[in-house]
């Protein structure tokens, strides 16, 4: 997958893949905080973060269900570019 250069407008496919990747990264970051023994979060903050984690997981599932490649007939490969 090719990303839009700075100043260029993203295509719907580029935006879809970027959003999918960013949601997945957010999901992973939240899981790290929740499973970290070094976390300074209190119980209430962890419960709130767990609630957010559930919503992020649902969002990621919904993005996966879209199958935009099939809808648009694209042969693009899903690639998550680190540091986008």
N, C-alpha and C. Protein backbone atom coordinates (compact mmCIF):
# COMPACT_ATOMS: atom_id res chain seq x y z
N UNK A 1 0.84 -1.17 0.00
CA UNK A 1 0.00 0.00 0.00
C UNK A 1 0.88 1.23 0.00
N UNK A 2 0.52 2.18 -0.77
CA UNK A 2 1.26 3.43 -0.86
C UNK A 2 0.53 4.50 -0.07
N UNK A 3 1.27 5.24 0.71
CA UNK A 3 0.69 6.31 1.52
C UNK A 3 0.74 7.63 0.76
N UNK A 4 -0.16 8.51 1.08
CA UNK A 4 -0.16 9.84 0.48
C UNK A 4 1.03 10.62 1.02
N UNK A 5 1.66 11.39 0.14
CA UNK A 5 2.77 12.25 0.56
C UNK A 5 2.22 13.46 1.29
N UNK A 6 3.10 14.12 2.01
CA UNK A 6 2.68 15.33 2.73
C UNK A 6 2.07 16.31 1.76
N UNK A 7 0.91 16.83 2.10
CA UNK A 7 0.23 17.79 1.25
C UNK A 7 -0.72 17.17 0.24
N UNK A 8 -0.61 15.86 0.01
CA UNK A 8 -1.52 15.17 -0.91
C UNK A 8 -2.76 14.72 -0.16
N UNK A 9 -3.85 14.62 -0.88
CA UNK A 9 -5.09 14.12 -0.30
C UNK A 9 -5.07 12.60 -0.33
N UNK A 10 -5.46 11.99 0.78
CA UNK A 10 -5.52 10.53 0.85
C UNK A 10 -6.68 10.02 0.01
N UNK A 11 -6.46 8.88 -0.63
CA UNK A 11 -7.57 8.20 -1.30
C UNK A 11 -8.39 7.50 -0.22
N UNK A 12 -9.61 7.10 -0.53
CA UNK A 12 -10.38 6.36 0.46
C UNK A 12 -9.66 5.11 0.95
N UNK A 13 -8.98 4.40 0.07
CA UNK A 13 -8.25 3.19 0.48
C UNK A 13 -7.09 3.53 1.40
N UNK A 14 -6.36 4.57 1.09
CA UNK A 14 -5.25 4.98 1.94
C UNK A 14 -5.75 5.37 3.32
N UNK A 15 -6.84 6.11 3.37
CA UNK A 15 -7.40 6.53 4.65
C UNK A 15 -7.90 5.32 5.45
N UNK A 16 -8.58 4.40 4.77
CA UNK A 16 -9.07 3.18 5.42
C UNK A 16 -7.93 2.40 6.05
N UNK A 17 -6.85 2.20 5.29
CA UNK A 17 -5.72 1.43 5.81
C UNK A 17 -5.02 2.17 6.95
N UNK A 18 -4.89 3.48 6.83
CA UNK A 18 -4.26 4.25 7.91
C UNK A 18 -5.11 4.17 9.18
N UNK A 19 -6.41 4.36 9.04
CA UNK A 19 -7.29 4.28 10.21
C UNK A 19 -7.24 2.89 10.85
N UNK A 20 -7.27 1.87 10.03
CA UNK A 20 -7.21 0.50 10.52
C UNK A 20 -5.91 0.28 11.31
N UNK A 21 -4.81 0.75 10.76
CA UNK A 21 -3.52 0.59 11.43
C UNK A 21 -3.45 1.39 12.72
N UNK A 22 -3.95 2.62 12.69
CA UNK A 22 -3.89 3.44 13.89
C UNK A 22 -4.78 2.89 15.00
N UNK A 23 -5.93 2.36 14.65
CA UNK A 23 -6.81 1.77 15.65
C UNK A 23 -6.14 0.54 16.26
N UNK A 24 -5.49 -0.27 15.42
CA UNK A 24 -4.78 -1.45 15.92
C UNK A 24 -3.64 -1.04 16.86
N UNK A 25 -2.90 -0.01 16.49
CA UNK A 25 -1.82 0.47 17.35
C UNK A 25 -2.37 0.98 18.68
N UNK A 26 -3.48 1.71 18.65
CA UNK A 26 -4.10 2.21 19.88
C UNK A 26 -4.52 1.05 20.76
N UNK A 27 -5.09 0.04 20.14
CA UNK A 27 -5.51 -1.16 20.88
C UNK A 27 -4.31 -1.80 21.58
N UNK A 28 -3.20 -1.91 20.89
CA UNK A 28 -1.99 -2.50 21.47
C UNK A 28 -1.44 -1.64 22.61
N UNK A 29 -1.45 -0.31 22.44
CA UNK A 29 -0.95 0.59 23.49
C UNK A 29 -1.80 0.49 24.75
N UNK A 30 -3.10 0.43 24.58
CA UNK A 30 -4.00 0.31 25.74
C UNK A 30 -3.75 -1.01 26.46
N UNK A 31 -3.61 -2.08 25.71
CA UNK A 31 -3.35 -3.39 26.32
C UNK A 31 -2.04 -3.39 27.10
N UNK A 32 -1.02 -2.71 26.59
CA UNK A 32 0.25 -2.62 27.31
C UNK A 32 0.07 -1.93 28.65
N UNK A 33 -0.69 -0.84 28.67
CA UNK A 33 -0.92 -0.11 29.91
C UNK A 33 -1.71 -0.98 30.89
N UNK A 34 -2.73 -1.66 30.38
CA UNK A 34 -3.57 -2.48 31.26
C UNK A 34 -2.84 -3.68 31.83
N UNK A 35 -1.88 -4.22 31.10
CA UNK A 35 -1.17 -5.41 31.57
C UNK A 35 0.15 -5.10 32.25
N UNK A 36 0.53 -3.84 32.25
CA UNK A 36 1.80 -3.44 32.85
C UNK A 36 1.71 -3.42 34.38
N UNK A 37 2.63 -4.11 35.02
CA UNK A 37 2.70 -4.09 36.48
C UNK A 37 3.22 -2.74 36.98
N UNK A 38 3.89 -2.01 36.10
CA UNK A 38 4.48 -0.73 36.48
C UNK A 38 3.50 0.42 36.32
N UNK A 39 2.30 0.13 35.85
CA UNK A 39 1.31 1.17 35.61
C UNK A 39 0.96 1.89 36.90
N UNK A 40 0.94 3.22 36.84
CA UNK A 40 0.62 4.05 38.00
C UNK A 40 -0.89 4.37 38.05
N UNK A 41 -1.66 3.71 37.21
CA UNK A 41 -3.11 3.98 37.14
C UNK A 41 -3.81 3.35 38.34
N UNK A 42 -4.79 4.08 38.89
CA UNK A 42 -5.58 3.51 39.98
C UNK A 42 -6.69 2.64 39.37
N UNK A 43 -7.46 1.98 40.23
CA UNK A 43 -8.49 1.05 39.76
C UNK A 43 -9.53 1.72 38.87
N UNK A 44 -9.94 2.92 39.24
CA UNK A 44 -10.95 3.63 38.45
C UNK A 44 -10.40 3.94 37.05
N UNK A 45 -9.17 4.42 36.98
CA UNK A 45 -8.57 4.73 35.68
C UNK A 45 -8.42 3.47 34.83
N UNK A 46 -8.03 2.37 35.46
CA UNK A 46 -7.90 1.11 34.73
C UNK A 46 -9.26 0.62 34.22
N UNK A 47 -10.32 0.80 35.02
CA UNK A 47 -11.66 0.41 34.57
C UNK A 47 -12.10 1.26 33.38
N UNK A 48 -11.83 2.56 33.46
CA UNK A 48 -12.18 3.45 32.35
C UNK A 48 -11.39 3.06 31.10
N UNK A 49 -10.11 2.78 31.27
CA UNK A 49 -9.27 2.39 30.15
C UNK A 49 -9.72 1.05 29.57
N UNK A 50 -10.16 0.15 30.42
CA UNK A 50 -10.68 -1.14 29.95
C UNK A 50 -11.95 -0.92 29.12
N UNK A 51 -12.78 0.04 29.53
CA UNK A 51 -13.97 0.37 28.75
C UNK A 51 -13.61 0.93 27.38
N UNK A 52 -12.61 1.81 27.37
CA UNK A 52 -12.13 2.36 26.11
C UNK A 52 -11.55 1.24 25.24
N UNK A 53 -10.82 0.33 25.86
CA UNK A 53 -10.22 -0.79 25.12
C UNK A 53 -11.30 -1.61 24.42
N UNK A 54 -12.42 -1.84 25.10
CA UNK A 54 -13.52 -2.57 24.50
C UNK A 54 -14.10 -1.85 23.29
N UNK A 55 -14.24 -0.54 23.40
CA UNK A 55 -14.76 0.26 22.28
C UNK A 55 -13.79 0.29 21.11
N UNK A 56 -12.50 0.38 21.42
CA UNK A 56 -11.49 0.38 20.36
C UNK A 56 -11.48 -0.98 19.65
N UNK A 57 -11.64 -2.05 20.42
CA UNK A 57 -11.69 -3.39 19.84
C UNK A 57 -12.90 -3.52 18.90
N UNK A 58 -14.05 -2.99 19.33
CA UNK A 58 -15.25 -3.01 18.48
C UNK A 58 -15.04 -2.19 17.21
N UNK A 59 -14.39 -1.03 17.36
CA UNK A 59 -14.10 -0.20 16.19
C UNK A 59 -13.21 -0.94 15.21
N UNK A 60 -12.18 -1.59 15.72
CA UNK A 60 -11.28 -2.35 14.85
C UNK A 60 -12.03 -3.48 14.15
N UNK A 61 -12.89 -4.17 14.88
CA UNK A 61 -13.69 -5.24 14.29
C UNK A 61 -14.58 -4.69 13.17
N UNK A 62 -15.19 -3.53 13.41
CA UNK A 62 -16.05 -2.92 12.38
C UNK A 62 -15.25 -2.53 11.15
N UNK A 63 -14.06 -1.98 11.35
CA UNK A 63 -13.21 -1.63 10.21
C UNK A 63 -12.83 -2.89 9.42
N UNK A 64 -12.55 -3.97 10.13
CA UNK A 64 -12.23 -5.23 9.45
C UNK A 64 -13.41 -5.75 8.65
N UNK A 65 -14.61 -5.57 9.17
CA UNK A 65 -15.82 -6.07 8.49
C UNK A 65 -16.11 -5.32 7.19
N UNK A 66 -15.66 -4.09 7.09
CA UNK A 66 -15.96 -3.28 5.92
C UNK A 66 -15.44 -3.94 4.64
N UNK A 67 -14.25 -4.50 4.71
CA UNK A 67 -13.64 -5.14 3.54
C UNK A 67 -13.70 -4.19 2.34
N UNK A 68 -13.17 -3.00 2.54
CA UNK A 68 -13.22 -1.96 1.53
C UNK A 68 -12.60 -2.41 0.21
N UNK A 69 -11.60 -3.28 0.28
CA UNK A 69 -10.98 -3.77 -0.95
C UNK A 69 -12.01 -4.46 -1.83
N UNK A 70 -12.89 -5.25 -1.20
CA UNK A 70 -13.91 -5.96 -1.96
C UNK A 70 -14.94 -5.00 -2.53
N UNK A 71 -15.31 -4.00 -1.73
CA UNK A 71 -16.31 -3.03 -2.17
C UNK A 71 -15.80 -2.22 -3.35
N UNK A 72 -14.54 -1.80 -3.28
CA UNK A 72 -13.97 -0.97 -4.34
C UNK A 72 -13.28 -1.79 -5.42
N UNK A 73 -13.19 -3.11 -5.22
CA UNK A 73 -12.56 -3.97 -6.22
C UNK A 73 -11.05 -3.80 -6.28
N UNK A 74 -10.46 -3.34 -5.21
CA UNK A 74 -9.02 -3.09 -5.19
C UNK A 74 -8.25 -4.36 -4.85
N UNK A 75 -7.04 -4.46 -5.33
CA UNK A 75 -6.16 -5.57 -5.02
C UNK A 75 -5.08 -5.16 -4.02
N UNK A 76 -5.33 -4.04 -3.31
CA UNK A 76 -4.34 -3.53 -2.38
C UNK A 76 -4.13 -4.49 -1.21
N UNK A 77 -2.92 -4.53 -0.72
CA UNK A 77 -2.56 -5.35 0.42
C UNK A 77 -2.58 -4.48 1.66
N UNK A 78 -3.14 -5.02 2.74
CA UNK A 78 -3.17 -4.29 4.01
C UNK A 78 -1.77 -4.26 4.60
N UNK A 79 -1.28 -3.07 4.82
CA UNK A 79 0.04 -2.89 5.42
C UNK A 79 -0.06 -1.81 6.46
N UNK A 80 0.47 -2.08 7.62
CA UNK A 80 0.49 -1.08 8.68
C UNK A 80 1.90 -0.50 8.71
N UNK A 81 2.01 0.76 8.37
CA UNK A 81 3.31 1.41 8.33
C UNK A 81 3.57 2.04 9.69
N UNK A 82 4.62 1.59 10.36
CA UNK A 82 4.96 2.11 11.68
C UNK A 82 5.48 3.53 11.53
N UNK A 83 5.01 4.36 12.42
CA UNK A 83 5.48 5.74 12.43
C UNK A 83 4.75 6.63 11.45
N UNK A 84 3.64 6.20 10.90
CA UNK A 84 2.90 7.04 9.96
C UNK A 84 2.39 8.27 10.63
